Amino acid sequence: MKAVDREVIVPIPLYKSIIVISTTFSIFTLVGGFVLLDSATQRATKPLSQIDPLFSLIGLSLIAIGTIVYAFTTRFKTHGMTITNSKED
């Protein structure tokens, strides 16, 4: 199978902006998602029949969105930032 290059090379000012904005967004969505999930389940003490499904789904969605944004942010690189596979060395 042929390796697919998934890195996006951008200038350093754009790289810094992308990293700062996406990391901040990811942190806020993850924390917000866990807060909503925690409030929907009353710190995981409510029985399953009393859990608020709307807050739970919104919380889980925020957690997933934050994770996806952070994962896609790792594709951005600048000139000189190359990842080498140690198995190929």
N, C-alpha and C. Protein backbone atom coordinates (compact mmCIF):
# COMPACT_ATOMS: atom_id res chain seq x y z
N MET A 1 0.83 -1.19 0.00
CA MET A 1 0.00 0.00 0.00
C MET A 1 0.87 1.25 0.00
N LYS A 2 0.45 2.23 -0.73
CA LYS A 2 1.19 3.47 -0.82
C LYS A 2 0.86 4.38 0.36
N ALA A 3 1.88 4.98 0.95
CA ALA A 3 1.67 5.89 2.08
C ALA A 3 1.06 7.19 1.58
N VAL A 4 0.09 7.69 2.33
CA VAL A 4 -0.58 8.94 1.98
C VAL A 4 0.00 10.05 2.85
N ASP A 5 0.43 11.13 2.20
CA ASP A 5 0.98 12.26 2.93
C ASP A 5 -0.19 13.11 3.42
N ARG A 6 -0.39 13.15 4.72
CA ARG A 6 -1.52 13.86 5.29
C ARG A 6 -1.14 15.18 5.93
N GLU A 7 0.10 15.58 5.79
CA GLU A 7 0.55 16.84 6.38
C GLU A 7 0.20 18.00 5.48
N VAL A 8 -0.17 19.12 6.09
CA VAL A 8 -0.46 20.35 5.37
C VAL A 8 0.61 21.35 5.77
N ILE A 9 1.42 21.77 4.81
CA ILE A 9 2.51 22.72 5.09
C ILE A 9 1.97 24.14 4.94
N VAL A 10 2.10 24.94 6.01
CA VAL A 10 1.62 26.32 6.01
C VAL A 10 2.74 27.23 6.54
N PRO A 11 2.65 28.54 6.26
CA PRO A 11 3.62 29.47 6.83
C PRO A 11 3.52 29.54 8.35
N ILE A 12 4.59 29.91 9.02
CA ILE A 12 4.65 29.90 10.49
C ILE A 12 3.61 30.81 11.15
N PRO A 13 3.30 32.02 10.63
CA PRO A 13 2.27 32.82 11.30
C PRO A 13 0.89 32.15 11.25
N LEU A 14 0.58 31.53 10.11
CA LEU A 14 -0.68 30.82 9.99
C LEU A 14 -0.70 29.59 10.90
N TYR A 15 0.41 28.90 10.98
CA TYR A 15 0.53 27.73 11.86
C TYR A 15 0.26 28.11 13.31
N LYS A 16 0.86 29.21 13.75
CA LYS A 16 0.66 29.64 15.13
C LYS A 16 -0.80 29.99 15.39
N SER A 17 -1.42 30.68 14.45
CA SER A 17 -2.83 31.04 14.60
C SER A 17 -3.72 29.80 14.66
N ILE A 18 -3.46 28.85 13.77
CA ILE A 18 -4.26 27.63 13.73
C ILE A 18 -4.12 26.87 15.05
N ILE A 19 -2.91 26.73 15.54
CA ILE A 19 -2.67 25.97 16.76
C ILE A 19 -3.34 26.63 17.96
N VAL A 20 -3.19 27.95 18.09
CA VAL A 20 -3.77 28.65 19.24
C VAL A 20 -5.30 28.59 19.22
N ILE A 21 -5.88 28.91 18.08
CA ILE A 21 -7.34 28.96 17.99
C ILE A 21 -7.95 27.57 18.15
N SER A 22 -7.40 26.58 17.48
CA SER A 22 -7.98 25.24 17.55
C SER A 22 -7.78 24.60 18.91
N THR A 23 -6.64 24.83 19.55
CA THR A 23 -6.42 24.28 20.88
C THR A 23 -7.34 24.92 21.90
N THR A 24 -7.52 26.24 21.80
CA THR A 24 -8.44 26.93 22.70
C THR A 24 -9.86 26.43 22.50
N PHE A 25 -10.28 26.30 21.24
CA PHE A 25 -11.62 25.79 20.94
C PHE A 25 -11.80 24.38 21.48
N SER A 26 -10.79 23.53 21.29
CA SER A 26 -10.88 22.15 21.77
C SER A 26 -10.98 22.08 23.29
N ILE A 27 -10.21 22.90 23.98
CA ILE A 27 -10.26 22.89 25.44
C ILE A 27 -11.64 23.31 25.94
N PHE A 28 -12.17 24.40 25.36
CA PHE A 28 -13.48 24.87 25.80
C PHE A 28 -14.59 23.88 25.49
N THR A 29 -14.55 23.25 24.32
CA THR A 29 -15.60 22.28 24.00
C THR A 29 -15.48 21.02 24.85
N LEU A 30 -14.27 20.57 25.12
CA LEU A 30 -14.12 19.39 25.97
C LEU A 30 -14.59 19.67 27.40
N VAL A 31 -14.16 20.78 27.95
CA VAL A 31 -14.57 21.12 29.32
C VAL A 31 -16.08 21.34 29.37
N GLY A 32 -16.61 22.08 28.40
CA GLY A 32 -18.06 22.30 28.35
C GLY A 32 -18.84 21.00 28.20
N GLY A 33 -18.32 20.10 27.38
CA GLY A 33 -18.98 18.81 27.21
C GLY A 33 -19.00 17.99 28.49
N PHE A 34 -17.88 17.99 29.19
CA PHE A 34 -17.84 17.24 30.45
C PHE A 34 -18.71 17.89 31.52
N VAL A 35 -18.79 19.22 31.53
CA VAL A 35 -19.67 19.91 32.49
C VAL A 35 -21.12 19.56 32.20
N LEU A 36 -21.53 19.60 30.92
CA LEU A 36 -22.90 19.23 30.58
C LEU A 36 -23.20 17.77 30.90
N LEU A 37 -22.28 16.91 30.61
CA LEU A 37 -22.47 15.49 30.90
C LEU A 37 -22.55 15.25 32.40
N ASP A 38 -21.73 15.98 33.14
CA ASP A 38 -21.74 15.85 34.60
C ASP A 38 -23.05 16.37 35.19
N SER A 39 -23.55 17.48 34.67
CA SER A 39 -24.81 18.02 35.19
C SER A 39 -26.00 17.16 34.78
N ALA A 40 -25.93 16.54 33.62
CA ALA A 40 -27.02 15.68 33.17
C ALA A 40 -27.12 14.41 34.00
N THR A 41 -26.00 13.94 34.51
CA THR A 41 -26.01 12.69 35.27
C THR A 41 -25.87 12.90 36.78
N GLN A 42 -25.80 14.19 37.20
CA GLN A 42 -25.62 14.52 38.63
C GLN A 42 -24.42 13.77 39.20
N ARG A 43 -23.27 13.98 38.56
CA ARG A 43 -22.00 13.34 38.93
C ARG A 43 -22.11 11.82 38.94
N ALA A 44 -22.82 11.31 37.95
CA ALA A 44 -22.99 9.87 37.74
C ALA A 44 -23.69 9.18 38.90
N THR A 45 -24.57 9.91 39.59
CA THR A 45 -25.31 9.31 40.70
C THR A 45 -26.78 9.09 40.38
N LYS A 46 -27.28 9.67 39.29
CA LYS A 46 -28.68 9.48 38.92
C LYS A 46 -28.88 8.11 38.31
N PRO A 47 -30.03 7.51 38.58
CA PRO A 47 -30.34 6.27 37.87
C PRO A 47 -30.52 6.54 36.38
N LEU A 48 -30.40 5.53 35.57
CA LEU A 48 -30.45 5.68 34.12
C LEU A 48 -31.77 6.29 33.66
N SER A 49 -32.85 6.01 34.35
CA SER A 49 -34.15 6.53 33.94
C SER A 49 -34.31 8.02 34.21
N GLN A 50 -33.46 8.62 35.05
CA GLN A 50 -33.59 10.03 35.40
C GLN A 50 -32.54 10.92 34.72
N ILE A 51 -31.70 10.36 33.89
CA ILE A 51 -30.67 11.14 33.21
C ILE A 51 -31.33 12.00 32.13
N ASP A 52 -30.91 13.25 32.03
CA ASP A 52 -31.42 14.16 31.01
C ASP A 52 -30.76 13.82 29.67
N PRO A 53 -31.51 13.24 28.73
CA PRO A 53 -30.88 12.80 27.47
C PRO A 53 -30.39 13.95 26.60
N LEU A 54 -31.05 15.10 26.63
CA LEU A 54 -30.64 16.22 25.79
C LEU A 54 -29.27 16.74 26.22
N PHE A 55 -29.09 17.00 27.51
CA PHE A 55 -27.80 17.47 28.01
C PHE A 55 -26.71 16.42 27.80
N SER A 56 -27.07 15.16 27.96
CA SER A 56 -26.09 14.09 27.75
C SER A 56 -25.61 14.05 26.31
N LEU A 57 -26.54 14.13 25.37
CA LEU A 57 -26.16 14.10 23.95
C LEU A 57 -25.38 15.34 23.55
N ILE A 58 -25.77 16.50 24.05
CA ILE A 58 -25.02 17.71 23.74
C ILE A 58 -23.62 17.63 24.33
N GLY A 59 -23.51 17.14 25.56
CA GLY A 59 -22.19 16.99 26.19
C GLY A 59 -21.30 16.03 25.44
N LEU A 60 -21.84 14.88 25.05
CA LEU A 60 -21.05 13.91 24.29
C LEU A 60 -20.67 14.46 22.92
N SER A 61 -21.57 15.22 22.31
CA SER A 61 -21.26 15.83 21.01
C SER A 61 -20.15 16.86 21.13
N LEU A 62 -20.19 17.67 22.17
CA LEU A 62 -19.12 18.65 22.37
C LEU A 62 -17.78 17.98 22.60
N ILE A 63 -17.77 16.90 23.35
CA ILE A 63 -16.54 16.15 23.59
C ILE A 63 -15.99 15.60 22.26
N ALA A 64 -16.87 15.05 21.44
CA ALA A 64 -16.45 14.50 20.16
C ALA A 64 -15.95 15.60 19.22
N ILE A 65 -16.64 16.73 19.18
CA ILE A 65 -16.22 17.83 18.31
C ILE A 65 -14.84 18.36 18.73
N GLY A 66 -14.63 18.54 20.02
CA GLY A 66 -13.33 19.01 20.50
C GLY A 66 -12.21 18.04 20.16
N THR A 67 -12.49 16.77 20.27
CA THR A 67 -11.49 15.76 19.96
C THR A 67 -11.16 15.74 18.47
N ILE A 68 -12.18 15.85 17.63
CA ILE A 68 -11.97 15.83 16.19
C ILE A 68 -11.18 17.06 15.74
N VAL A 69 -11.53 18.22 16.27
CA VAL A 69 -10.81 19.45 15.90
C VAL A 69 -9.35 19.33 16.29
N TYR A 70 -9.07 18.85 17.48
CA TYR A 70 -7.69 18.72 17.92
C TYR A 70 -6.93 17.70 17.06
N ALA A 71 -7.59 16.61 16.72
CA ALA A 71 -6.93 15.59 15.91
C ALA A 71 -6.58 16.11 14.52
N PHE A 72 -7.47 16.86 13.91
CA PHE A 72 -7.18 17.40 12.58
C PHE A 72 -6.16 18.52 12.62
N THR A 73 -6.03 19.19 13.75
CA THR A 73 -5.04 20.26 13.88
C THR A 73 -3.62 19.71 13.81
N THR A 74 -3.44 18.48 14.23
CA THR A 74 -2.10 17.90 14.24
C THR A 74 -1.55 17.68 12.84
N ARG A 75 -2.37 17.82 11.81
CA ARG A 75 -1.90 17.66 10.43
C ARG A 75 -1.11 18.86 9.93
N PHE A 76 -1.28 20.02 10.55
CA PHE A 76 -0.63 21.23 10.08
C PHE A 76 0.82 21.26 10.54
N LYS A 77 1.70 21.58 9.62
CA LYS A 77 3.14 21.67 9.89
C LYS A 77 3.69 22.90 9.18
N THR A 78 4.87 23.34 9.59
CA THR A 78 5.56 24.41 8.88
C THR A 78 6.77 23.83 8.18
N HIS A 79 7.44 24.64 7.41
CA HIS A 79 8.65 24.17 6.74
C HIS A 79 9.69 23.81 7.80
N GLY A 80 10.30 22.69 7.65
CA GLY A 80 11.29 22.24 8.62
C GLY A 80 10.73 21.30 9.67
N MET A 81 9.43 21.20 9.77
CA MET A 81 8.81 20.27 10.72
C MET A 81 8.45 19.00 9.97
N THR A 82 9.31 18.03 10.01
CA THR A 82 9.01 16.77 9.35
C THR A 82 9.00 15.67 10.38
N ILE A 83 8.13 14.74 10.15
CA ILE A 83 8.03 13.60 11.06
C ILE A 83 8.66 12.41 10.35
N THR A 84 9.62 11.82 10.98
CA THR A 84 10.24 10.64 10.39
C THR A 84 9.78 9.41 11.15
N ASN A 85 9.62 8.37 10.42
CA ASN A 85 9.21 7.12 11.00
C ASN A 85 10.47 6.37 11.44
N SER A 86 10.59 6.06 12.70
CA SER A 86 11.79 5.43 13.22
C SER A 86 11.97 4.01 12.67
N LYS A 87 10.91 3.39 12.19
CA LYS A 87 11.03 2.06 11.64
C LYS A 87 11.76 2.07 10.29
N GLU A 88 11.69 3.20 9.59
CA GLU A 88 12.34 3.29 8.29
C GLU A 88 13.81 3.66 8.39
N ASP A 89 14.27 4.12 9.54
CA ASP A 89 15.67 4.54 9.70
C ASP A 89 16.61 3.36 9.75
